[in-house]
Protein backbone atom coordinates (compact mmCIF):
# COMPACT_ATOMS: atom_id res chain seq x y z
CA MET A 1 102.23 125.18 186.80
CA ARG A 2 103.81 127.88 187.45
CA TRP A 3 100.95 131.21 186.79
CA ASN A 4 101.98 134.16 185.03
CA ALA A 5 101.11 136.84 181.69
CA SER A 6 102.33 133.99 179.50
CA THR A 7 100.99 130.96 180.46
CA LEU A 8 97.32 133.00 181.58
CA ILE A 9 97.43 133.99 177.62
CA ARG A 10 98.27 130.46 176.56
CA THR A 11 95.95 128.79 178.34
CA GLU A 12 93.27 130.84 177.72
CA ALA A 13 94.36 130.60 173.66
CA PHE A 14 94.24 126.87 173.59
CA ALA A 15 90.22 126.38 176.20
CA ALA A 16 89.20 128.58 173.86
CA ILE A 17 90.33 126.56 170.87
CA ALA A 18 89.30 123.39 172.68
CA TYR A 19 86.34 124.45 173.44
CA ARG A 20 85.61 125.24 170.06
CA MET A 21 86.65 122.10 168.56
CA ILE A 22 84.41 119.98 171.68
CA GLY A 23 81.89 122.17 170.34
CA ALA A 24 82.07 121.25 166.77
CA LEU A 25 82.23 117.54 167.54
CA CYS A 26 79.25 117.69 170.23
CA ARG A 27 76.79 119.88 167.71
CA THR A 28 76.39 116.53 165.37
CA TYR A 29 75.46 114.13 168.23
CA ARG A 30 71.44 114.01 168.11
CA TYR A 31 70.47 114.29 172.05
CA SER A 32 67.92 112.72 174.01
CA LEU A 33 67.54 113.38 177.11
CA ILE A 34 65.85 110.51 179.85
CA GLN A 35 63.80 112.02 182.62
CA SER A 36 64.95 114.94 182.80
CA GLU A 37 61.80 117.20 183.69
CA GLN A 38 62.41 115.67 187.43
CA TRP A 39 65.39 117.36 188.89
CA ILE A 40 64.99 120.26 186.90
CA ASP A 41 61.13 120.81 188.58
CA LEU A 42 63.03 120.19 192.17
CA HIS A 43 65.59 122.97 191.28
CA ARG A 44 62.83 125.71 189.82
CA SER A 45 60.48 124.89 193.03
CA GLY A 46 63.50 125.47 196.10
CA HIS A 47 65.62 122.19 195.89
CA THR A 48 69.41 122.00 196.04
CA VAL A 49 70.40 120.00 193.26
CA LEU A 50 73.40 118.03 193.52
CA LEU A 51 73.87 116.22 189.59
CA CYS A 52 76.23 113.37 189.79
CA MET A 53 78.03 111.13 187.22
CA TRP A 54 81.27 109.04 186.71
CA HIS A 55 84.28 110.42 184.68
CA GLN A 56 84.09 107.79 181.75
CA GLN A 57 81.24 109.64 180.65
CA PHE A 58 81.20 113.21 180.96
CA PHE A 59 82.28 114.13 178.16
CA PRO A 60 78.54 114.96 175.93
CA ALA A 61 77.23 115.83 179.59
CA PHE A 62 79.67 118.73 179.28
CA TYR A 63 78.97 120.40 176.45
CA TYR A 64 75.10 119.96 176.59
CA PHE A 65 74.64 121.55 179.62
CA SER A 66 77.24 124.40 178.46
CA LYS A 67 73.96 125.33 176.65
CA HIS A 68 71.31 124.07 178.77
CA GLN A 69 72.23 125.45 182.43
CA PRO A 70 69.94 127.91 183.94
CA PRO A 71 72.97 128.79 186.36
CA ALA A 72 76.47 128.35 186.43
CA ILE A 73 77.35 124.48 187.65
CA SER A 74 79.14 125.13 189.87
CA ILE A 75 82.15 121.59 189.27
CA MET A 76 84.80 120.67 191.18
CA ILE A 77 88.36 120.92 189.05
CA SER A 78 91.68 119.51 190.41
CA GLN A 79 94.56 122.01 191.29
CA SER A 80 97.32 120.01 188.58
CA ALA A 81 98.47 121.59 185.45
CA ASP A 82 96.19 119.37 183.23
CA GLY A 83 93.02 120.79 185.87
CA ASP A 84 94.70 124.54 185.58
CA ILE A 85 93.43 123.77 181.22
CA ALA A 86 90.46 121.99 182.29
CA SER A 87 89.24 125.03 184.54
CA ALA A 88 89.88 126.90 181.49
CA ILE A 89 87.67 125.34 179.46
CA ALA A 90 85.18 125.05 181.96
CA ALA A 91 85.10 128.16 181.85
CA LYS A 92 85.06 128.93 178.69
CA GLY A 93 81.38 126.50 178.36
CA GLY A 94 79.38 128.63 181.70
CA PHE A 95 80.79 126.74 184.47
CA ALA A 96 81.40 127.86 187.85
CA PRO A 97 85.02 125.75 188.48
CA VAL A 98 85.87 125.17 192.21
CA ARG A 99 89.82 123.96 192.01
CA GLY A 100 90.59 121.18 194.61
CA SER A 101 90.13 117.29 194.63
CA SER A 102 90.54 114.43 196.58
CA SER A 103 94.22 114.39 196.92
CA ARG A 104 95.33 118.56 196.64
CA GLY A 105 93.40 121.09 197.89
CA GLY A 106 89.78 118.44 198.72
CA MET A 107 88.84 120.56 202.27
CA ALA A 108 89.10 124.00 200.51
CA ALA A 109 87.43 123.14 197.58
CA LEU A 110 84.90 121.15 199.29
CA LYS A 111 83.26 124.16 201.44
CA ALA A 112 83.55 126.76 198.10
CA MET A 113 81.87 123.92 196.56
CA ILE A 114 78.80 124.34 199.51
CA ARG A 115 79.28 127.68 199.78
CA SER A 116 78.32 127.58 196.12
CA MET A 117 75.53 125.47 196.12
CA ARG A 118 74.07 127.69 198.74
CA THR A 119 73.55 130.21 196.35
CA THR A 120 73.19 128.74 193.08
CA ARG A 121 71.41 125.41 194.44
CA LEU A 122 72.78 123.26 192.03
CA ALA A 123 76.15 121.79 191.21
CA GLY A 124 78.10 118.81 189.22
CA HIS A 125 80.18 116.81 190.80
CA ILE A 126 82.16 113.90 189.11
CA VAL A 127 82.18 110.94 191.21
CA ASP A 128 85.43 109.16 190.63
CA GLY A 129 87.73 112.17 189.62
CA PRO A 130 90.42 112.65 188.66
CA GLN A 131 91.91 109.82 188.66
CA GLY A 132 90.13 106.84 189.64
CA PRO A 133 89.94 103.95 190.58
CA ALA A 134 86.82 103.94 187.81
CA GLY A 135 83.56 103.22 189.75
CA ILE A 136 84.93 103.95 193.73
CA VAL A 137 82.88 106.90 194.98
CA LYS A 138 84.56 109.10 196.68
CA PRO A 139 83.46 111.01 200.26
CA GLY A 140 83.05 113.96 198.98
CA ILE A 141 79.86 113.70 197.47
CA ALA A 142 78.24 112.56 200.64
CA ALA A 143 79.89 115.51 202.48
CA MET A 144 78.41 118.15 200.32
CA ALA A 145 74.78 116.73 200.52
CA ARG A 146 74.99 116.84 203.82
CA ALA A 147 75.36 120.15 204.45
CA THR A 148 73.45 121.48 201.84
CA GLY A 149 70.46 119.74 201.89
CA ALA A 150 70.56 118.63 198.43
CA VAL A 151 68.38 116.30 196.62
CA ILE A 152 71.54 113.74 194.62
CA VAL A 153 70.22 112.79 190.92
CA PRO A 154 72.88 110.06 189.54
CA LEU A 155 73.23 110.66 185.50
CA TYR A 156 74.65 108.57 182.98
CA ALA A 157 75.61 109.25 179.87
CA SER A 158 75.83 106.28 176.86
CA ALA A 159 76.40 106.43 172.91
CA ASP A 160 75.44 104.66 169.96
CA HIS A 161 79.16 104.58 168.84
CA SER A 162 81.47 106.20 170.42
CA TRP A 163 85.23 106.08 171.10
CA TYR A 164 87.00 104.71 174.42
CA ALA A 165 90.60 106.19 175.67
CA ARG A 166 93.16 103.67 177.48
CA SER A 167 92.99 105.19 180.54
CA TRP A 168 92.18 104.34 183.80
CA ASP A 169 88.58 104.15 183.86
CA ARG A 170 87.84 104.24 179.08
CA PHE A 171 86.57 107.64 179.28
CA MET A 172 84.06 107.61 176.33
CA ILE A 173 84.11 110.02 173.23
CA PRO A 174 81.27 109.88 171.49
CA LYS A 175 82.13 109.42 167.01
CA PRO A 176 80.59 112.35 165.51
CA PHE A 177 76.52 112.01 164.42
CA SER A 178 76.26 109.18 166.87
CA ARG A 179 72.78 109.24 169.18
CA VAL A 180 73.23 110.48 172.45
CA SER A 181 71.29 109.46 175.41
CA LEU A 182 71.76 111.21 178.87
CA THR A 183 69.29 109.56 181.35
CA PHE A 184 68.84 111.45 184.64
CA GLU A 185 67.88 108.94 187.48
CA ALA A 186 65.53 108.99 190.26
CA PRO A 187 66.98 111.65 193.17
CA ILE A 188 67.99 110.72 196.17
CA PHE A 189 66.48 113.53 198.49
CA TRP A 190 68.56 113.88 201.92
CA LYS A 191 65.54 112.77 204.23
CA GLU A 192 65.99 109.00 202.27
CA LEU A 193 69.43 109.63 203.81
CA ASP A 194 69.02 110.67 207.12
CA GLY A 195 71.20 109.43 209.78
CA GLN A 196 73.44 107.84 207.57
CA GLY A 197 76.99 108.16 208.21
CA LEU A 198 79.03 109.42 205.16
CA GLU A 199 80.55 106.11 204.29
CA ASP A 200 76.95 104.92 204.38
CA ILE A 201 75.45 107.76 202.21
CA ARG A 202 78.93 107.35 200.23
CA GLN A 203 78.50 103.10 199.17
CA HIS A 204 74.31 103.44 198.51
CA LEU A 205 76.02 105.86 195.68
CA GLU A 206 78.17 103.26 194.43
CA GLU A 207 75.63 100.72 194.37
CA ARG A 208 73.91 102.72 193.03
CA MET A 209 75.78 103.64 189.98
CA ARG A 210 77.97 101.12 189.44
CA PRO A 211 76.20 98.69 187.18
CA HIS A 212 76.05 101.94 184.37
CA LEU A 213 79.63 102.13 184.21
CA ILE A 214 80.35 100.92 180.47
CA ALA A 215 82.97 98.27 180.28
CA PRO A 216 84.04 98.30 176.68
CA LYS A 217 86.02 96.00 174.24
CA LEU A 218 88.74 97.31 173.32
CA PRO A 219 90.87 96.54 169.92
């Protein structure tokens, strides 16, 4: 997308409308938080925390954190045209978008994420995004954790009633008035991973998170 004043205005307007629509849906959800206290206590006590989840499940978590985040959470968003829209929506939600992905602008975005994490000590990361394949953790999260000494906290979302897109990851959108659970798994401390290579860390996280992918039955 070629940026100019007109493009920027249209993108900002669309992002504002989209964020309001997301909010209207998500405010009907009945959220339950499971095991959230530990990562919050770690962050308050001075640890750097890296929340990570599958692309499939980030929709309900995005809105929850837009209303309940301590500092602005840094998140990496691709440099594609779709990423331009997603970045604008994320900014409306109070996040700090860092542009780049494993396929484009990745190294610059990785360095920017690390700088941001050293300041706010809090970031979120979609481990298989933005284009998958589903269930495959990209290596960037291991590099970020090693550079910052971050505690990695896997996060999963589930709902009792959801729509699933026919996309590469079967993207999940809980239906109105659903019960939505956000489950924070036990933190992975850097000292547990010290001495392991980045690929070992990536595989460890993938093996731990993959059982929590949802495989819906589509009509």
